[in-house]
N, C-alpha and C. Protein backbone atom coordinates (compact mmCIF):
# COMPACT_ATOMS: atom_id res chain seq x y z
N MET A 1 0.85 -1.17 0.00
CA MET A 1 0.00 0.00 0.00
C MET A 1 0.90 1.23 0.00
N SER A 2 0.56 2.17 -0.84
CA SER A 2 1.35 3.38 -0.94
C SER A 2 0.45 4.59 -0.75
N CYS A 3 0.78 5.44 0.21
CA CYS A 3 0.03 6.67 0.43
C CYS A 3 1.02 7.81 0.31
N SER A 4 0.69 8.79 -0.50
CA SER A 4 1.62 9.90 -0.67
C SER A 4 0.86 11.17 -0.95
N ALA A 5 1.53 12.28 -0.73
CA ALA A 5 0.99 13.60 -1.09
C ALA A 5 2.16 14.43 -1.56
N ARG A 6 1.94 15.20 -2.55
CA ARG A 6 3.00 16.08 -3.02
C ARG A 6 2.38 17.39 -3.47
N SER A 7 3.17 18.42 -3.46
CA SER A 7 2.67 19.71 -3.91
C SER A 7 3.53 20.20 -5.05
N SER A 8 3.01 21.19 -5.71
CA SER A 8 3.75 21.79 -6.81
C SER A 8 5.07 22.33 -6.29
N PRO A 9 6.15 22.19 -7.04
CA PRO A 9 7.44 22.73 -6.57
C PRO A 9 7.41 24.23 -6.37
N ARG A 10 6.46 24.93 -7.04
CA ARG A 10 6.43 26.39 -6.94
C ARG A 10 5.94 26.87 -5.58
N SER A 11 5.11 26.08 -4.91
CA SER A 11 4.54 26.54 -3.65
C SER A 11 4.11 25.35 -2.81
N ARG A 12 4.02 25.56 -1.53
CA ARG A 12 3.54 24.53 -0.62
C ARG A 12 2.46 25.15 0.26
N PRO A 13 1.18 24.92 -0.06
CA PRO A 13 0.11 25.50 0.73
C PRO A 13 0.15 25.01 2.17
N PRO A 14 -0.19 25.87 3.14
CA PRO A 14 -0.12 25.47 4.53
C PRO A 14 -1.06 24.32 4.89
N GLY A 15 -2.16 24.16 4.18
CA GLY A 15 -3.10 23.09 4.49
C GLY A 15 -2.71 21.74 3.93
N LEU A 16 -1.60 21.66 3.21
CA LEU A 16 -1.22 20.41 2.56
C LEU A 16 -0.92 19.31 3.57
N ALA A 17 -0.29 19.64 4.70
CA ALA A 17 0.03 18.62 5.70
C ALA A 17 -1.25 17.99 6.23
N ARG A 18 -2.25 18.79 6.51
CA ARG A 18 -3.52 18.27 6.99
C ARG A 18 -4.20 17.43 5.92
N LEU A 19 -4.18 17.88 4.70
CA LEU A 19 -4.78 17.14 3.61
C LEU A 19 -4.06 15.80 3.41
N SER A 20 -2.74 15.80 3.56
CA SER A 20 -1.97 14.56 3.45
C SER A 20 -2.39 13.58 4.53
N ALA A 21 -2.59 14.09 5.75
CA ALA A 21 -3.00 13.23 6.86
C ALA A 21 -4.37 12.61 6.58
N VAL A 22 -5.29 13.41 6.04
CA VAL A 22 -6.62 12.90 5.71
C VAL A 22 -6.52 11.81 4.65
N ALA A 23 -5.66 12.01 3.66
CA ALA A 23 -5.49 11.01 2.60
C ALA A 23 -4.92 9.71 3.17
N ARG A 24 -3.95 9.84 4.06
CA ARG A 24 -3.39 8.63 4.67
C ARG A 24 -4.44 7.89 5.50
N GLN A 25 -5.24 8.63 6.26
CA GLN A 25 -6.30 8.00 7.04
C GLN A 25 -7.29 7.27 6.13
N ALA A 26 -7.64 7.91 5.03
CA ALA A 26 -8.56 7.28 4.08
C ALA A 26 -7.94 6.02 3.49
N CYS A 27 -6.66 6.10 3.22
CA CYS A 27 -5.94 4.96 2.64
C CYS A 27 -5.96 3.78 3.61
N TYR A 28 -5.71 4.03 4.88
CA TYR A 28 -5.66 2.96 5.85
C TYR A 28 -7.05 2.48 6.25
N ALA A 29 -8.05 3.34 6.20
CA ALA A 29 -9.42 2.95 6.53
C ALA A 29 -10.03 2.08 5.43
N ARG A 30 -9.68 2.37 4.21
CA ARG A 30 -10.20 1.60 3.07
C ARG A 30 -9.09 0.69 2.57
N ARG A 31 -9.05 -0.50 3.03
CA ARG A 31 -7.98 -1.44 2.67
C ARG A 31 -7.96 -1.79 1.19
N ASP A 32 -9.04 -1.47 0.48
CA ASP A 32 -9.07 -1.80 -0.94
C ASP A 32 -8.54 -0.66 -1.81
N TRP A 33 -8.07 0.42 -1.21
CA TRP A 33 -7.47 1.51 -1.97
C TRP A 33 -5.96 1.40 -1.91
N THR A 34 -5.33 1.69 -3.03
CA THR A 34 -3.87 1.77 -3.06
C THR A 34 -3.47 3.05 -3.77
N LYS A 35 -2.26 3.43 -3.55
CA LYS A 35 -1.69 4.61 -4.21
C LYS A 35 -2.58 5.84 -4.09
N VAL A 36 -2.97 6.15 -2.86
CA VAL A 36 -3.72 7.37 -2.60
C VAL A 36 -2.74 8.53 -2.72
N GLY A 37 -3.09 9.54 -3.47
CA GLY A 37 -2.19 10.67 -3.65
C GLY A 37 -2.95 11.98 -3.77
N ILE A 38 -2.26 13.04 -3.45
CA ILE A 38 -2.85 14.37 -3.53
C ILE A 38 -1.82 15.30 -4.18
N ASP A 39 -2.27 16.06 -5.14
CA ASP A 39 -1.46 17.12 -5.72
C ASP A 39 -2.11 18.44 -5.34
N ALA A 40 -1.30 19.40 -4.94
CA ALA A 40 -1.82 20.73 -4.60
C ALA A 40 -1.05 21.76 -5.41
N GLN A 41 -1.76 22.77 -5.84
CA GLN A 41 -1.11 23.84 -6.59
C GLN A 41 -1.72 25.16 -6.17
N ALA A 42 -0.87 26.11 -5.87
CA ALA A 42 -1.34 27.44 -5.47
C ALA A 42 -0.61 28.48 -6.32
N HIS A 43 -1.35 29.46 -6.77
CA HIS A 43 -0.76 30.59 -7.47
C HIS A 43 -0.73 31.76 -6.51
N LEU A 44 0.43 32.36 -6.35
CA LEU A 44 0.59 33.49 -5.45
C LEU A 44 0.74 34.77 -6.26
N TRP A 45 -0.03 35.80 -5.90
CA TRP A 45 -0.02 37.06 -6.63
C TRP A 45 0.39 38.20 -5.70
N ARG A 46 1.23 39.06 -6.21
CA ARG A 46 1.65 40.25 -5.45
C ARG A 46 0.81 41.45 -5.89
N SER A 47 1.07 42.59 -5.28
CA SER A 47 0.21 43.77 -5.44
C SER A 47 0.07 44.26 -6.87
N GLU A 48 1.01 44.00 -7.72
CA GLU A 48 0.90 44.53 -9.09
C GLU A 48 0.06 43.64 -10.01
N HIS A 49 -0.35 42.48 -9.56
CA HIS A 49 -1.10 41.56 -10.42
C HIS A 49 -2.61 41.81 -10.31
N PRO A 50 -3.35 41.71 -11.44
CA PRO A 50 -4.81 41.95 -11.42
C PRO A 50 -5.58 41.02 -10.46
N HIS A 51 -5.09 39.79 -10.25
CA HIS A 51 -5.79 38.89 -9.32
C HIS A 51 -5.73 39.40 -7.88
N GLN A 52 -4.79 40.27 -7.61
CA GLN A 52 -4.66 40.82 -6.26
C GLN A 52 -5.92 41.60 -5.87
N THR A 53 -6.61 42.16 -6.83
CA THR A 53 -7.80 42.97 -6.54
C THR A 53 -9.10 42.22 -6.84
N SER A 54 -9.06 40.92 -7.02
CA SER A 54 -10.27 40.16 -7.31
C SER A 54 -11.31 40.32 -6.21
N LEU A 55 -10.87 40.27 -4.95
CA LEU A 55 -11.81 40.41 -3.84
C LEU A 55 -12.48 41.78 -3.87
N ARG A 56 -11.71 42.81 -4.16
CA ARG A 56 -12.27 44.18 -4.23
C ARG A 56 -13.35 44.25 -5.32
N ARG A 57 -13.10 43.67 -6.47
CA ARG A 57 -14.08 43.67 -7.55
C ARG A 57 -15.32 42.85 -7.18
N PHE A 58 -15.10 41.74 -6.49
CA PHE A 58 -16.22 40.91 -6.04
C PHE A 58 -17.10 41.69 -5.06
N ILE A 59 -16.49 42.39 -4.13
CA ILE A 59 -17.24 43.19 -3.16
C ILE A 59 -18.05 44.26 -3.87
N ALA A 60 -17.45 44.90 -4.85
CA ALA A 60 -18.17 45.95 -5.59
C ALA A 60 -19.39 45.37 -6.29
N GLY A 61 -19.29 44.15 -6.77
CA GLY A 61 -20.39 43.54 -7.49
C GLY A 61 -21.56 43.13 -6.60
N ILE A 62 -21.29 42.88 -5.33
CA ILE A 62 -22.37 42.45 -4.43
C ILE A 62 -22.53 43.42 -3.25
N ARG A 63 -22.14 44.63 -3.45
CA ARG A 63 -22.17 45.64 -2.38
C ARG A 63 -23.54 45.73 -1.70
N ASN A 64 -24.59 45.83 -2.48
CA ASN A 64 -25.94 45.95 -1.90
C ASN A 64 -26.33 44.72 -1.10
N ARG A 65 -25.95 43.55 -1.58
CA ARG A 65 -26.25 42.32 -0.84
C ARG A 65 -25.50 42.28 0.48
N ILE A 66 -24.26 42.77 0.49
CA ILE A 66 -23.48 42.82 1.73
C ILE A 66 -24.16 43.77 2.73
N LEU A 67 -24.55 44.93 2.24
CA LEU A 67 -25.20 45.90 3.12
C LEU A 67 -26.50 45.34 3.69
N ASP A 68 -27.30 44.69 2.86
CA ASP A 68 -28.57 44.13 3.32
C ASP A 68 -28.37 42.99 4.32
N ALA A 69 -27.39 42.13 4.05
CA ALA A 69 -27.20 40.93 4.88
C ALA A 69 -26.52 41.22 6.20
N THR A 70 -25.66 42.23 6.24
CA THR A 70 -24.86 42.47 7.44
C THR A 70 -25.37 43.61 8.31
N GLY A 71 -26.14 44.50 7.73
CA GLY A 71 -26.58 45.66 8.50
C GLY A 71 -25.51 46.73 8.63
N LEU A 72 -24.42 46.58 7.91
CA LEU A 72 -23.37 47.61 7.93
C LEU A 72 -23.90 48.88 7.27
N SER A 73 -23.40 50.01 7.75
CA SER A 73 -23.72 51.26 7.06
C SER A 73 -22.82 51.38 5.84
N GLU A 74 -23.23 52.22 4.90
CA GLU A 74 -22.39 52.42 3.71
C GLU A 74 -21.04 53.00 4.09
N GLN A 75 -21.02 53.90 5.08
CA GLN A 75 -19.77 54.51 5.51
C GLN A 75 -18.83 53.45 6.10
N ARG A 76 -19.37 52.53 6.92
CA ARG A 76 -18.52 51.49 7.52
C ARG A 76 -17.99 50.55 6.46
N LEU A 77 -18.83 50.17 5.49
CA LEU A 77 -18.35 49.31 4.41
C LEU A 77 -17.26 50.02 3.61
N ASP A 78 -17.43 51.29 3.35
CA ASP A 78 -16.40 52.05 2.64
C ASP A 78 -15.09 52.07 3.43
N GLN A 79 -15.18 52.21 4.75
CA GLN A 79 -13.97 52.18 5.59
C GLN A 79 -13.28 50.82 5.48
N LEU A 80 -14.07 49.76 5.54
CA LEU A 80 -13.50 48.42 5.44
C LEU A 80 -12.84 48.18 4.08
N ILE A 81 -13.45 48.72 3.03
CA ILE A 81 -12.87 48.59 1.69
C ILE A 81 -11.55 49.33 1.60
N VAL A 82 -11.47 50.51 2.19
CA VAL A 82 -10.21 51.27 2.20
C VAL A 82 -9.14 50.48 2.95
N GLU A 83 -9.50 49.88 4.09
CA GLU A 83 -8.55 49.06 4.85
C GLU A 83 -8.10 47.86 4.03
N LEU A 84 -9.03 47.23 3.32
CA LEU A 84 -8.68 46.10 2.46
C LEU A 84 -7.70 46.53 1.37
N GLU A 85 -7.99 47.65 0.72
CA GLU A 85 -7.10 48.12 -0.36
C GLU A 85 -5.71 48.45 0.19
N ARG A 86 -5.65 49.04 1.37
CA ARG A 86 -4.36 49.35 1.99
C ARG A 86 -3.59 48.06 2.29
N HIS A 87 -4.30 47.08 2.80
CA HIS A 87 -3.67 45.79 3.10
C HIS A 87 -3.16 45.12 1.83
N LEU A 88 -4.00 45.08 0.79
CA LEU A 88 -3.61 44.42 -0.45
C LEU A 88 -2.46 45.12 -1.16
N ALA A 89 -2.32 46.43 -0.96
CA ALA A 89 -1.25 47.18 -1.61
C ALA A 89 0.09 46.96 -0.93
N GLY A 90 0.10 46.40 0.27
CA GLY A 90 1.35 46.18 0.99
C GLY A 90 2.24 45.17 0.29
N PRO A 91 3.53 45.44 0.24
CA PRO A 91 4.45 44.53 -0.46
C PRO A 91 4.55 43.16 0.20
N GLU A 92 4.20 43.07 1.48
CA GLU A 92 4.28 41.78 2.18
C GLU A 92 3.03 40.93 1.98
N THR A 93 1.99 41.49 1.36
CA THR A 93 0.74 40.77 1.18
C THR A 93 0.76 39.92 -0.07
N LEU A 94 0.42 38.66 0.09
CA LEU A 94 0.29 37.74 -1.03
C LEU A 94 -1.15 37.25 -1.09
N VAL A 95 -1.66 37.12 -2.30
CA VAL A 95 -3.00 36.57 -2.48
C VAL A 95 -2.84 35.22 -3.17
N ILE A 96 -3.48 34.21 -2.60
CA ILE A 96 -3.47 32.87 -3.19
C ILE A 96 -4.76 32.72 -3.98
N HIS A 97 -4.63 32.57 -5.29
CA HIS A 97 -5.80 32.44 -6.16
C HIS A 97 -5.39 31.72 -7.43
N PRO A 98 -5.91 30.64 -7.75
CA PRO A 98 -6.73 29.75 -6.95
C PRO A 98 -5.86 28.77 -6.18
N LEU A 99 -6.46 28.07 -5.24
CA LEU A 99 -5.83 26.98 -4.52
C LEU A 99 -6.51 25.70 -4.99
N LEU A 100 -5.77 24.86 -5.66
CA LEU A 100 -6.35 23.68 -6.31
C LEU A 100 -5.81 22.40 -5.67
N PHE A 101 -6.69 21.43 -5.47
CA PHE A 101 -6.30 20.13 -4.95
C PHE A 101 -6.85 19.06 -5.87
N GLN A 102 -6.05 18.04 -6.08
CA GLN A 102 -6.50 16.89 -6.85
C GLN A 102 -6.15 15.66 -6.03
N ALA A 103 -7.16 14.84 -5.72
CA ALA A 103 -6.93 13.60 -4.97
C ALA A 103 -7.24 12.41 -5.88
N ARG A 104 -6.50 11.35 -5.68
CA ARG A 104 -6.72 10.17 -6.51
C ARG A 104 -6.35 8.92 -5.72
N ALA A 105 -6.92 7.80 -6.14
CA ALA A 105 -6.61 6.50 -5.53
C ALA A 105 -6.95 5.41 -6.52
N ARG A 106 -6.34 4.27 -6.32
CA ARG A 106 -6.65 3.10 -7.14
C ARG A 106 -7.24 2.02 -6.25
N ARG A 107 -8.16 1.28 -6.82
CA ARG A 107 -8.71 0.12 -6.10
C ARG A 107 -7.89 -1.10 -6.44
N ARG A 108 -7.77 -1.95 -5.48
CA ARG A 108 -7.01 -3.20 -5.71
C ARG A 108 -7.75 -4.10 -6.66
């Protein structure tokens, strides 16, 4: 029986260790599975990349729904958006988009 997990050489998502543990547990719980494996791939974007502002564009698209669902005032939401933009513009901020996992196994 072989259980393994590997990630893309470009990045190692923090949740990969937990995902690997889940795959190993599944492998040992199901004795008829062999070669359980997980591949993970994450793309990291810095402040100059368009994906860095995806969340900001998403918020703009559902602004009214956010206001209705949360009870926030427009002024408070605007303040939060400014804080988000300031955070995303920081050189130390990385955005992971997308985070992809692929799991596979073979039956005996």
